[in-house]
Amino acid sequence: MSQELAHFDDDSFKTAIAGPLPVLVDFWAPWCGPCKAIAPILAELATELAGKIQIGKVNVDDHSELSIQYNVRAIPTMLLFKNGVIVETLVGIQSKDSLKAKLIAKL
């Protein structure tokens, strides 16, 4: 069973990326087809990698200041943070195997 992803706002985003676990943040929008397509993949990976990484989402329509701050120009864009620093940027839809391999390589 897939894990429910966290939906970050400004405060919970800052808290999450400063935490002890690496965090993959998916910048998305409800009207974005590729964002909808990758959502179940992210939920599966959140379950498979539980305890190793946190995966959450930022709705760019509701939190545009975060997308501006992190220079998100296309969605879906996924940023992997370790110790508050971006260590990987992924733009566009990814296969589950490809995304998982990229995440594991950065853990």
PDB file of N, CA and C in Angstrom:
ATOM      1  N   MET A   1       0.841  -1.182   0.000  1.00  0.00           N
ATOM      2  CA  MET A   1       0.000   0.000   0.000  1.00  0.00           C
ATOM      3  C   MET A   1       0.889   1.251   0.000  1.00  0.00           C
ATOM      4  N   SER A   2       0.521   2.234  -0.788  1.00  0.00           N
ATOM      5  CA  SER A   2       1.323   3.451  -0.915  1.00  0.00           C
ATOM      6  C   SER A   2       1.076   4.405   0.246  1.00  0.00           C
ATOM      7  N   GLN A   3       2.109   5.133   0.571  1.00  0.00           N
ATOM      8  CA  GLN A   3       2.049   6.100   1.664  1.00  0.00           C
ATOM      9  C   GLN A   3       1.492   7.430   1.150  1.00  0.00           C
ATOM     10  N   GLU A   4       0.716   8.103   1.974  1.00  0.00           N
ATOM     11  CA  GLU A   4       0.208   9.436   1.638  1.00  0.00           C
ATOM     12  C   GLU A   4       1.370  10.430   1.695  1.00  0.00           C
ATOM     13  N   LEU A   5       1.472  11.255   0.670  1.00  0.00           N
ATOM     14  CA  LEU A   5       2.553  12.237   0.620  1.00  0.00           C
ATOM     15  C   LEU A   5       2.187  13.471   1.426  1.00  0.00           C
ATOM     16  N   ALA A   6       3.194  14.068   2.041  1.00  0.00           N
ATOM     17  CA  ALA A   6       2.999  15.328   2.760  1.00  0.00           C
ATOM     18  C   ALA A   6       2.731  16.438   1.743  1.00  0.00           C
ATOM     19  N   HIS A   7       1.860  17.344   2.082  1.00  0.00           N
ATOM     20  CA  HIS A   7       1.613  18.538   1.267  1.00  0.00           C
ATOM     21  C   HIS A   7       2.188  19.714   2.048  1.00  0.00           C
ATOM     22  N   PHE A   8       3.301  20.243   1.553  1.00  0.00           N
ATOM     23  CA  PHE A   8       4.016  21.280   2.269  1.00  0.00           C
ATOM     24  C   PHE A   8       3.440  22.665   1.995  1.00  0.00           C
ATOM     25  N   ASP A   9       3.396  23.481   3.058  1.00  0.00           N
ATOM     26  CA  ASP A   9       3.187  24.920   2.915  1.00  0.00           C
ATOM     27  C   ASP A   9       4.539  25.567   3.226  1.00  0.00           C
ATOM     28  N   ASP A  10       4.589  26.874   3.308  1.00  0.00           N
ATOM     29  CA  ASP A  10       5.872  27.552   3.526  1.00  0.00           C
ATOM     30  C   ASP A  10       6.584  27.052   4.784  1.00  0.00           C
ATOM     31  N   ASP A  11       5.847  26.978   5.889  1.00  0.00           N
ATOM     32  CA  ASP A  11       6.468  26.601   7.161  1.00  0.00           C
ATOM     33  C   ASP A  11       6.869  25.131   7.200  1.00  0.00           C
ATOM     34  N   SER A  12       5.963  24.245   6.779  1.00  0.00           N
ATOM     35  CA  SER A  12       6.290  22.817   6.845  1.00  0.00           C
ATOM     36  C   SER A  12       7.401  22.461   5.849  1.00  0.00           C
ATOM     37  N   PHE A  13       7.479  23.193   4.748  1.00  0.00           N
ATOM     38  CA  PHE A  13       8.566  22.998   3.777  1.00  0.00           C
ATOM     39  C   PHE A  13       9.906  23.315   4.427  1.00  0.00           C
ATOM     40  N   LYS A  14       9.998  24.464   5.069  1.00  0.00           N
ATOM     41  CA  LYS A  14      11.257  24.867   5.709  1.00  0.00           C
ATOM     42  C   LYS A  14      11.657  23.886   6.804  1.00  0.00           C
ATOM     43  N   THR A  15      10.691  23.426   7.567  1.00  0.00           N
ATOM     44  CA  THR A  15      10.969  22.458   8.628  1.00  0.00           C
ATOM     45  C   THR A  15      11.453  21.137   8.038  1.00  0.00           C
ATOM     46  N   ALA A  16      10.791  20.666   6.984  1.00  0.00           N
ATOM     47  CA  ALA A  16      11.139  19.375   6.379  1.00  0.00           C
ATOM     48  C   ALA A  16      12.543  19.384   5.798  1.00  0.00           C
ATOM     49  N   ILE A  17      12.895  20.415   5.038  1.00  0.00           N
ATOM     50  CA  ILE A  17      14.213  20.390   4.384  1.00  0.00           C
ATOM     51  C   ILE A  17      15.354  20.590   5.374  1.00  0.00           C
ATOM     52  N   ALA A  18      15.041  21.111   6.565  1.00  0.00           N
ATOM     53  CA  ALA A  18      16.059  21.284   7.598  1.00  0.00           C
ATOM     54  C   ALA A  18      16.194  20.047   8.489  1.00  0.00           C
ATOM     55  N   GLY A  19      15.316  19.061   8.285  1.00  0.00           N
ATOM     56  CA  GLY A  19      15.300  17.874   9.133  1.00  0.00           C
ATOM     57  C   GLY A  19      16.413  16.891   8.806  1.00  0.00           C
ATOM     58  N   PRO A  20      16.455  15.790   9.559  1.00  0.00           N
ATOM     59  CA  PRO A  20      17.546  14.825   9.428  1.00  0.00           C
ATOM     60  C   PRO A  20      17.472  13.949   8.171  1.00  0.00           C
ATOM     61  N   LEU A  21      16.274  13.760   7.622  1.00  0.00           N
ATOM     62  CA  LEU A  21      16.131  12.918   6.430  1.00  0.00           C
ATOM     63  C   LEU A  21      16.257  13.743   5.156  1.00  0.00           C
ATOM     64  N   PRO A  22      16.813  13.147   4.093  1.00  0.00           N
ATOM     65  CA  PRO A  22      16.720  13.813   2.792  1.00  0.00           C
ATOM     66  C   PRO A  22      15.242  13.966   2.421  1.00  0.00           C
ATOM     67  N   VAL A  23      14.926  15.004   1.671  1.00  0.00           N
ATOM     68  CA  VAL A  23      13.535  15.282   1.296  1.00  0.00           C
ATOM     69  C   VAL A  23      13.453  15.521  -0.205  1.00  0.00           C
ATOM     70  N   LEU A  24      12.573  14.751  -0.867  1.00  0.00           N
ATOM     71  CA  LEU A  24      12.269  14.994  -2.269  1.00  0.00           C
ATOM     72  C   LEU A  24      10.982  15.816  -2.311  1.00  0.00           C
ATOM     73  N   VAL A  25      11.068  16.998  -2.898  1.00  0.00           N
ATOM     74  CA  VAL A  25       9.911  17.888  -2.983  1.00  0.00           C
ATOM     75  C   VAL A  25       9.452  17.951  -4.426  1.00  0.00           C
ATOM     76  N   ASP A  26       8.204  17.577  -4.642  1.00  0.00           N
ATOM     77  CA  ASP A  26       7.586  17.608  -5.966  1.00  0.00           C
ATOM     78  C   ASP A  26       6.804  18.906  -6.094  1.00  0.00           C
ATOM     79  N   PHE A  27       7.259  19.790  -6.973  1.00  0.00           N
ATOM     80  CA  PHE A  27       6.521  21.017  -7.280  1.00  0.00           C
ATOM     81  C   PHE A  27       5.533  20.654  -8.387  1.00  0.00           C
ATOM     82  N   TRP A  28       4.244  20.838  -8.122  1.00  0.00           N
ATOM     83  CA  TRP A  28       3.193  20.347  -8.994  1.00  0.00           C
ATOM     84  C   TRP A  28       2.013  21.317  -9.014  1.00  0.00           C
ATOM     85  N   ALA A  29       1.031  21.016  -9.849  1.00  0.00           N
ATOM     86  CA  ALA A  29      -0.234  21.750  -9.887  1.00  0.00           C
ATOM     87  C   ALA A  29      -1.352  20.756 -10.207  1.00  0.00           C
ATOM     88  N   PRO A  30      -2.552  21.001  -9.688  1.00  0.00           N
ATOM     89  CA  PRO A  30      -3.660  20.062  -9.905  1.00  0.00           C
ATOM     90  C   PRO A  30      -4.074  19.915 -11.374  1.00  0.00           C
ATOM     91  N   TRP A  31      -3.809  20.921 -12.184  1.00  0.00           N
ATOM     92  CA  TRP A  31      -4.202  20.900 -13.593  1.00  0.00           C
ATOM     93  C   TRP A  31      -3.143  20.274 -14.500  1.00  0.00           C
ATOM     94  N   CYS A  32      -2.016  19.875 -13.948  1.00  0.00           N
ATOM     95  CA  CYS A  32      -0.868  19.370 -14.718  1.00  0.00           C
ATOM     96  C   CYS A  32      -0.979  17.854 -14.938  1.00  0.00           C
ATOM     97  N   GLY A  33      -1.137  17.439 -16.200  1.00  0.00           N
ATOM     98  CA  GLY A  33      -1.252  16.018 -16.527  1.00  0.00           C
ATOM     99  C   GLY A  33      -0.049  15.190 -16.113  1.00  0.00           C
ATOM    100  N   PRO A  34       1.181  15.602 -16.472  1.00  0.00           N
ATOM    101  CA  PRO A  34       2.358  14.832 -16.035  1.00  0.00           C
ATOM    102  C   PRO A  34       2.491  14.770 -14.507  1.00  0.00           C
ATOM    103  N   CYS A  35       2.054  15.816 -13.812  1.00  0.00           N
ATOM    104  CA  CYS A  35       2.095  15.805 -12.348  1.00  0.00           C
ATOM    105  C   CYS A  35       1.171  14.714 -11.793  1.00  0.00           C
ATOM    106  N   LYS A  36      -0.010  14.587 -12.399  1.00  0.00           N
ATOM    107  CA  LYS A  36      -0.951  13.539 -11.985  1.00  0.00           C
ATOM    108  C   LYS A  36      -0.383  12.157 -12.283  1.00  0.00           C
ATOM    109  N   ALA A  37       0.325  12.040 -13.403  1.00  0.00           N
ATOM    110  CA  ALA A  37       0.877  10.741 -13.798  1.00  0.00           C
ATOM    111  C   ALA A  37       1.985  10.279 -12.858  1.00  0.00           C
ATOM    112  N   ILE A  38       2.786  11.206 -12.346  1.00  0.00           N
ATOM    113  CA  ILE A  38       3.909  10.805 -11.491  1.00  0.00           C
ATOM    114  C   ILE A  38       3.490  10.643 -10.023  1.00  0.00           C
ATOM    115  N   ALA A  39       2.343  11.157  -9.640  1.00  0.00           N
ATOM    116  CA  ALA A  39       1.907  11.096  -8.234  1.00  0.00           C
ATOM    117  C   ALA A  39       1.891   9.677  -7.668  1.00  0.00           C
ATOM    118  N   PRO A  40       1.322   8.672  -8.368  1.00  0.00           N
ATOM    119  CA  PRO A  40       1.337   7.322  -7.795  1.00  0.00           C
ATOM    120  C   PRO A  40       2.745   6.739  -7.671  1.00  0.00           C
ATOM    121  N   ILE A  41       3.634   7.125  -8.569  1.00  0.00           N
ATOM    122  CA  ILE A  41       5.030   6.666  -8.491  1.00  0.00           C
ATOM    123  C   ILE A  41       5.681   7.225  -7.228  1.00  0.00           C
ATOM    124  N   LEU A  42       5.448   8.498  -6.962  1.00  0.00           N
ATOM    125  CA  LEU A  42       6.013   9.117  -5.761  1.00  0.00           C
ATOM    126  C   LEU A  42       5.448   8.475  -4.499  1.00  0.00           C
ATOM    127  N   ALA A  43       4.161   8.158  -4.512  1.00  0.00           N
ATOM    128  CA  ALA A  43       3.541   7.515  -3.348  1.00  0.00           C
ATOM    129  C   ALA A  43       4.142   6.129  -3.105  1.00  0.00           C
ATOM    130  N   GLU A  44       4.374   5.380  -4.180  1.00  0.00           N
ATOM    131  CA  GLU A  44       5.000   4.060  -4.039  1.00  0.00           C
ATOM    132  C   GLU A  44       6.423   4.185  -3.496  1.00  0.00           C
ATOM    133  N   LEU A  45       7.168   5.148  -4.026  1.00  0.00           N
ATOM    134  CA  LEU A  45       8.546   5.334  -3.553  1.00  0.00           C
ATOM    135  C   LEU A  45       8.583   5.801  -2.106  1.00  0.00           C
ATOM    136  N   ALA A  46       7.611   6.605  -1.703  1.00  0.00           N
ATOM    137  CA  ALA A  46       7.548   7.049  -0.303  1.00  0.00           C
ATOM    138  C   ALA A  46       7.396   5.848   0.623  1.00  0.00           C
ATOM    139  N   THR A  47       6.626   4.857   0.188  1.00  0.00           N
ATOM    140  CA  THR A  47       6.450   3.639   0.981  1.00  0.00           C
ATOM    141  C   THR A  47       7.712   2.789   0.954  1.00  0.00           C
ATOM    142  N   GLU A  48       8.271   2.588  -0.239  1.00  0.00           N
ATOM    143  CA  GLU A  48       9.449   1.725  -0.384  1.00  0.00           C
ATOM    144  C   GLU A  48      10.688   2.297   0.302  1.00  0.00           C
ATOM    145  N   LEU A  49      10.791   3.613   0.336  1.00  0.00           N
ATOM    146  CA  LEU A  49      11.985   4.257   0.904  1.00  0.00           C
ATOM    147  C   LEU A  49      11.706   4.907   2.266  1.00  0.00           C
ATOM    148  N   ALA A  50      10.603   4.520   2.894  1.00  0.00           N
ATOM    149  CA  ALA A  50      10.241   5.081   4.199  1.00  0.00           C
ATOM    150  C   ALA A  50      11.395   4.894   5.192  1.00  0.00           C
ATOM    151  N   GLY A  51      11.665   5.956   5.946  1.00  0.00           N
ATOM    152  CA  GLY A  51      12.752   5.936   6.909  1.00  0.00           C
ATOM    153  C   GLY A  51      14.088   6.352   6.319  1.00  0.00           C
ATOM    154  N   LYS A  52      14.172   6.362   4.986  1.00  0.00           N
ATOM    155  CA  LYS A  52      15.404   6.775   4.311  1.00  0.00           C
ATOM    156  C   LYS A  52      15.262   8.146   3.670  1.00  0.00           C
ATOM    157  N   ILE A  53      14.034   8.485   3.281  1.00  0.00           N
ATOM    158  CA  ILE A  53      13.758   9.746   2.595  1.00  0.00           C
ATOM    159  C   ILE A  53      12.307  10.135   2.851  1.00  0.00           C
ATOM    160  N   GLN A  54      12.064  11.417   2.906  1.00  0.00           N
ATOM    161  CA  GLN A  54      10.697  11.928   2.988  1.00  0.00           C
ATOM    162  C   GLN A  54      10.344  12.490   1.610  1.00  0.00           C
ATOM    163  N   ILE A  55       9.132  12.216   1.161  1.00  0.00           N
ATOM    164  CA  ILE A  55       8.672  12.742  -0.123  1.00  0.00           C
ATOM    165  C   ILE A  55       7.419  13.568   0.132  1.00  0.00           C
ATOM    166  N   GLY A  56       7.444  14.789  -0.396  1.00  0.00           N
ATOM    167  CA  GLY A  56       6.298  15.676  -0.217  1.00  0.00           C
ATOM    168  C   GLY A  56       6.069  16.525  -1.451  1.00  0.00           C
ATOM    169  N   LYS A  57       4.989  17.295  -1.411  1.00  0.00           N
ATOM    170  CA  LYS A  57       4.562  18.064  -2.573  1.00  0.00           C
ATOM    171  C   LYS A  57       4.346  19.527  -2.204  1.00  0.00           C
ATOM    172  N   VAL A  58       4.609  20.403  -3.179  1.00  0.00           N
ATOM    173  CA  VAL A  58       4.294  21.825  -3.053  1.00  0.00           C
ATOM    174  C   VAL A  58       3.435  22.203  -4.257  1.00  0.00           C
ATOM    175  N   ASN A  59       2.223  22.651  -3.988  1.00  0.00           N
ATOM    176  CA  ASN A  59       1.326  23.117  -5.048  1.00  0.00           C
ATOM    177  C   ASN A  59       1.795  24.506  -5.473  1.00  0.00           C
ATOM    178  N   VAL A  60       2.257  24.623  -6.724  1.00  0.00           N
ATOM    179  CA  VAL A  60       2.815  25.898  -7.189  1.00  0.00           C
ATOM    180  C   VAL A  60       1.759  26.986  -7.304  1.00  0.00           C
ATOM    181  N   ASP A  61       0.505  26.618  -7.463  1.00  0.00           N
ATOM    182  CA  ASP A  61      -0.566  27.615  -7.512  1.00  0.00           C
ATOM    183  C   ASP A  61      -0.797  28.242  -6.143  1.00  0.00           C
ATOM    184  N   ASP A  62      -0.705  27.422  -5.104  1.00  0.00           N
ATOM    185  CA  ASP A  62      -0.937  27.901  -3.736  1.00  0.00           C
ATOM    186  C   ASP A  62       0.306  28.501  -3.089  1.00  0.00           C
ATOM    187  N   HIS A  63       1.470  28.086  -3.538  1.00  0.00           N
ATOM    188  CA  HIS A  63       2.732  28.518  -2.910  1.00  0.00           C
ATOM    189  C   HIS A  63       3.726  28.975  -3.976  1.00  0.00           C
ATOM    190  N   SER A  64       3.317  29.948  -4.746  1.00  0.00           N
ATOM    191  CA  SER A  64       4.144  30.416  -5.865  1.00  0.00           C
ATOM    192  C   SER A  64       5.468  31.008  -5.392  1.00  0.00           C
ATOM    193  N   GLU A  65       5.504  31.552  -4.178  1.00  0.00           N
ATOM    194  CA  GLU A  65       6.752  32.134  -3.683  1.00  0.00           C
ATOM    195  C   GLU A  65       7.843  31.081  -3.546  1.00  0.00           C
ATOM    196  N   LEU A  66       7.478  29.840  -3.200  1.00  0.00           N
ATOM    197  CA  LEU A  66       8.480  28.772  -3.117  1.00  0.00           C
ATOM    198  C   LEU A  66       8.988  28.391  -4.505  1.00  0.00           C
ATOM    199  N   SER A  67       8.082  28.330  -5.468  1.00  0.00           N
ATOM    200  CA  SER A  67       8.527  27.991  -6.822  1.00  0.00           C
ATOM    201  C   SER A  67       9.422  29.085  -7.392  1.00  0.00           C
ATOM    202  N   ILE A  68       9.148  30.326  -7.063  1.00  0.00           N
ATOM    203  CA  ILE A  68      10.009  31.435  -7.505  1.00  0.00           C
ATOM    204  C   ILE A  68      11.365  31.356  -6.801  1.00  0.00           C
ATOM    205  N   GLN A  69      11.343  31.128  -5.495  1.00  0.00           N
ATOM    206  CA  GLN A  69      12.580  31.058  -4.709  1.00  0.00           C
ATOM    207  C   GLN A  69      13.512  29.959  -5.229  1.00  0.00           C
ATOM    208  N   TYR A  70      12.941  28.839  -5.653  1.00  0.00           N
ATOM    209  CA  TYR A  70      13.764  27.713  -6.111  1.00  0.00           C
ATOM    210  C   TYR A  70      13.818  27.603  -7.639  1.00  0.00           C
ATOM    211  N   ASN A  71      13.414  28.680  -8.318  1.00  0.00           N
ATOM    212  CA  ASN A  71      13.555  28.791  -9.773  1.00  0.00           C
ATOM    213  C   ASN A  71      12.879  27.649 -10.526  1.00  0.00           C
ATOM    214  N   VAL A  72      11.691  27.257 -10.047  1.00  0.00           N
ATOM    215  CA  VAL A  72      10.921  26.211 -10.713  1.00  0.00           C
ATOM    216  C   VAL A  72      10.202  26.842 -11.892  1.00  0.00           C
ATOM    217  N   ARG A  73      10.571  26.426 -13.097  1.00  0.00           N
ATOM    218  CA  ARG A  73      10.021  27.022 -14.315  1.00  0.00           C
ATOM    219  C   ARG A  73       9.142  26.059 -15.103  1.00  0.00           C
ATOM    220  N   ALA A  74       9.176  24.783 -14.746  1.00  0.00           N
ATOM    221  CA  ALA A  74       8.345  23.767 -15.395  1.00  0.00           C
ATOM    222  C   ALA A  74       7.885  22.795 -14.318  1.00  0.00           C
ATOM    223  N   ILE A  75       6.752  22.169 -14.548  1.00  0.00           N
ATOM    224  CA  ILE A  75       6.269  21.172 -13.594  1.00  0.00           C
ATOM    225  C   ILE A  75       5.917  19.891 -14.346  1.00  0.00           C
ATOM    226  N   PRO A  76       6.111  18.760 -13.715  1.00  0.00           N
ATOM    227  CA  PRO A  76       6.658  18.608 -12.374  1.00  0.00           C
ATOM    228  C   PRO A  76       8.176  18.841 -12.331  1.00  0.00           C
ATOM    229  N   THR A  77       8.604  19.521 -11.285  1.00  0.00           N
ATOM    230  CA  THR A  77      10.021  19.637 -10.951  1.00  0.00           C
ATOM    231  C   THR A  77      10.184  19.056  -9.562  1.00  0.00           C
ATOM    232  N   MET A  78      11.163  18.175  -9.410  1.00  0.00           N
ATOM    233  CA  MET A  78      11.431  17.567  -8.119  1.00  0.00           C
ATOM    234  C   MET A  78      12.823  17.968  -7.666  1.00  0.00           C
ATOM    235  N   LEU A  79      12.891  18.481  -6.460  1.00  0.00           N
ATOM    236  CA  LEU A  79      14.167  18.884  -5.868  1.00  0.00           C
ATOM    237  C   LEU A  79      14.459  17.967  -4.689  1.00  0.00           C
ATOM    238  N   LEU A  80      15.653  17.409  -4.665  1.00  0.00           N
ATOM    239  CA  LEU A  80      16.079  16.577  -3.550  1.00  0.00           C
ATOM    240  C   LEU A  80      16.980  17.403  -2.653  1.00  0.00           C
ATOM    241  N   PHE A  81      16.577  17.534  -1.394  1.00  0.00           N
ATOM    242  CA  PHE A  81      17.332  18.305  -0.403  1.00  0.00           C
ATOM    243  C   PHE A  81      17.995  17.356   0.582  1.00  0.00           C
ATOM    244  N   LYS A  82      19.248  17.663   0.913  1.00  0.00           N
ATOM    245  CA  LYS A  82      19.960  17.010   2.013  1.00  0.00           C
ATOM    246  C   LYS A  82      20.543  18.123   2.867  1.00  0.00           C
ATOM    247  N   ASN A  83      20.219  18.105   4.138  1.00  0.00           N
ATOM    248  CA  ASN A  83      20.706  19.132   5.062  1.00  0.00           C
ATOM    249  C   ASN A  83      20.380  20.533   4.557  1.00  0.00           C
ATOM    250  N   GLY A  84      19.205  20.692   3.964  1.00  0.00           N
ATOM    251  CA  GLY A  84      18.744  21.999   3.507  1.00  0.00           C
ATOM    252  C   GLY A  84      19.319  22.462   2.180  1.00  0.00           C
ATOM    253  N   VAL A  85      20.133  21.617   1.532  1.00  0.00           N
ATOM    254  CA  VAL A  85      20.795  21.980   0.276  1.00  0.00           C
ATOM    255  C   VAL A  85      20.267  21.091  -0.854  1.00  0.00           C
ATOM    256  N   ILE A  86      20.024  21.688  -2.014  1.00  0.00           N
ATOM    257  CA  ILE A  86      19.581  20.903  -3.174  1.00  0.00           C
ATOM    258  C   ILE A  86      20.754  20.067  -3.683  1.00  0.00           C
ATOM    259  N   VAL A  87      20.536  18.747  -3.765  1.00  0.00           N
ATOM    260  CA  VAL A  87      21.579  17.855  -4.275  1.00  0.00           C
ATOM    261  C   VAL A  87      21.189  17.224  -5.614  1.00  0.00           C
ATOM    262  N   GLU A  88      19.933  17.370  -6.021  1.00  0.00           N
ATOM    263  CA  GLU A  88      19.471  16.827  -7.301  1.00  0.00           C
ATOM    264  C   GLU A  88      18.229  17.601  -7.739  1.00  0.00           C
ATOM    265  N   THR A  89      18.171  17.895  -9.032  1.00  0.00           N
ATOM    266  CA  THR A  89      16.998  18.525  -9.638  1.00  0.00           C
ATOM    267  C   THR A  89      16.534  17.640 -10.784  1.00  0.00           C
ATOM    268  N   LEU A  90      15.259  17.289 -10.759  1.00  0.00           N
ATOM    269  CA  LEU A  90      14.673  16.447 -11.797  1.00  0.00           C
ATOM    270  C   LEU A  90      13.463  17.172 -12.365  1.00  0.00           C
ATOM    271  N   VAL A  91      13.438  17.344 -13.681  1.00  0.00           N
ATOM    272  CA  VAL A  91      12.341  18.054 -14.331  1.00  0.00           C
ATOM    273  C   VAL A  91      11.629  17.092 -15.264  1.00  0.00           C
ATOM    274  N   GLY A  92      10.299  17.073 -15.160  1.00  0.00           N
ATOM    275  CA  GLY A  92       9.498  16.219 -16.035  1.00  0.00           C
ATOM    276  C   GLY A  92       9.228  14.862 -15.422  1.00  0.00           C
ATOM    277  N   ILE A  93       8.402  14.119 -16.125  1.00  0.00           N
ATOM    278  CA  ILE A  93       8.021  12.797 -15.633  1.00  0.00           C
ATOM    279  C   ILE A  93       9.212  11.845 -15.713  1.00  0.00           C
ATOM    280  N   GLN A  94       9.307  10.975 -14.730  1.00  0.00           N
ATOM    281  CA  GLN A  94      10.396  10.009 -14.628  1.00  0.00           C
ATOM    282  C   GLN A  94       9.779   8.625 -14.443  1.00  0.00           C
ATOM    283  N   SER A  95      10.457   7.607 -14.929  1.00  0.00           N
ATOM    284  CA  SER A  95       9.991   6.250 -14.622  1.00  0.00           C
ATOM    285  C   SER A  95      10.309   5.961 -13.157  1.00  0.00           C
ATOM    286  N   LYS A  96       9.573   5.035 -12.584  1.00  0.00           N
ATOM    287  CA  LYS A  96       9.803   4.679 -11.185  1.00  0.00           C
ATOM    288  C   LYS A  96      11.221   4.169 -10.974  1.00  0.00           C
ATOM    289  N   ASP A  97      11.678   3.269 -11.856  1.00  0.00           N
ATOM    290  CA  ASP A  97      13.016   2.690 -11.692  1.00  0.00           C
ATOM    291  C   ASP A  97      14.105   3.751 -11.796  1.00  0.00           C
ATOM    292  N   SER A  98      13.953   4.651 -12.761  1.00  0.00           N
ATOM    293  CA  SER A  98      14.940   5.715 -12.948  1.00  0.00           C
ATOM    294  C   SER A  98      14.965   6.647 -11.750  1.00  0.00           C
ATOM    295  N   LEU A  99      13.797   7.057 -11.295  1.00  0.00           N
ATOM    296  CA  LEU A  99      13.701   7.971 -10.157  1.00  0.00           C
ATOM    297  C   LEU A  99      14.261   7.316  -8.894  1.00  0.00           C
ATOM    298  N   LYS A 100      13.911   6.067  -8.666  1.00  0.00           N
ATOM    299  CA  LYS A 100      14.401   5.358  -7.480  1.00  0.00           C
ATOM    300  C   LYS A 100      15.918   5.253  -7.502  1.00  0.00           C
ATOM    301  N   ALA A 101      16.494   4.919  -8.652  1.00  0.00           N
ATOM    302  CA  ALA A 101      17.952   4.804  -8.761  1.00  0.00           C
ATOM    303  C   ALA A 101      18.626   6.146  -8.482  1.00  0.00           C
ATOM    304  N   LYS A 102      18.064   7.223  -8.997  1.00  0.00           N
ATOM    305  CA  LYS A 102      18.640   8.550  -8.763  1.00  0.00           C
ATOM    306  C   LYS A 102      18.564   8.924  -7.292  1.00  0.00           C
ATOM    307  N   LEU A 103      17.458   8.593  -6.641  1.00  0.00           N
ATOM    308  CA  LEU A 103      17.312   8.906  -5.215  1.00  0.00           C
ATOM    309  C   LEU A 103      18.291   8.092  -4.379  1.00  0.00           C
ATOM    310  N   ILE A 104      18.362   6.803  -4.633  1.00  0.00           N
ATOM    311  CA  ILE A 104      19.248   5.934  -3.844  1.00  0.00           C
ATOM    312  C   ILE A 104      20.702   6.371  -4.005  1.00  0.00           C
ATOM    313  N   ALA A 105      21.072   6.804  -5.196  1.00  0.00           N
ATOM    314  CA  ALA A 105      22.450   7.250  -5.440  1.00  0.00           C
ATOM    315  C   ALA A 105      22.812   8.477  -4.605  1.00  0.00           C
ATOM    316  N   LYS A 106      21.814   9.259  -4.214  1.00  0.00           N
ATOM    317  CA  LYS A 106      22.069  10.495  -3.459  1.00  0.00           C
ATOM    318  C   LYS A 106      21.865  10.337  -1.950  1.00  0.00           C
ATOM    319  N   LEU A 107      21.414   9.180  -1.501  1.00  0.00           N
ATOM    320  CA  LEU A 107      21.140   9.010  -0.064  1.00  0.00           C
ATOM    321  C   LEU A 107      22.406   8.839   0.749  1.00  0.00           C
TER     322      LEU A 107
END
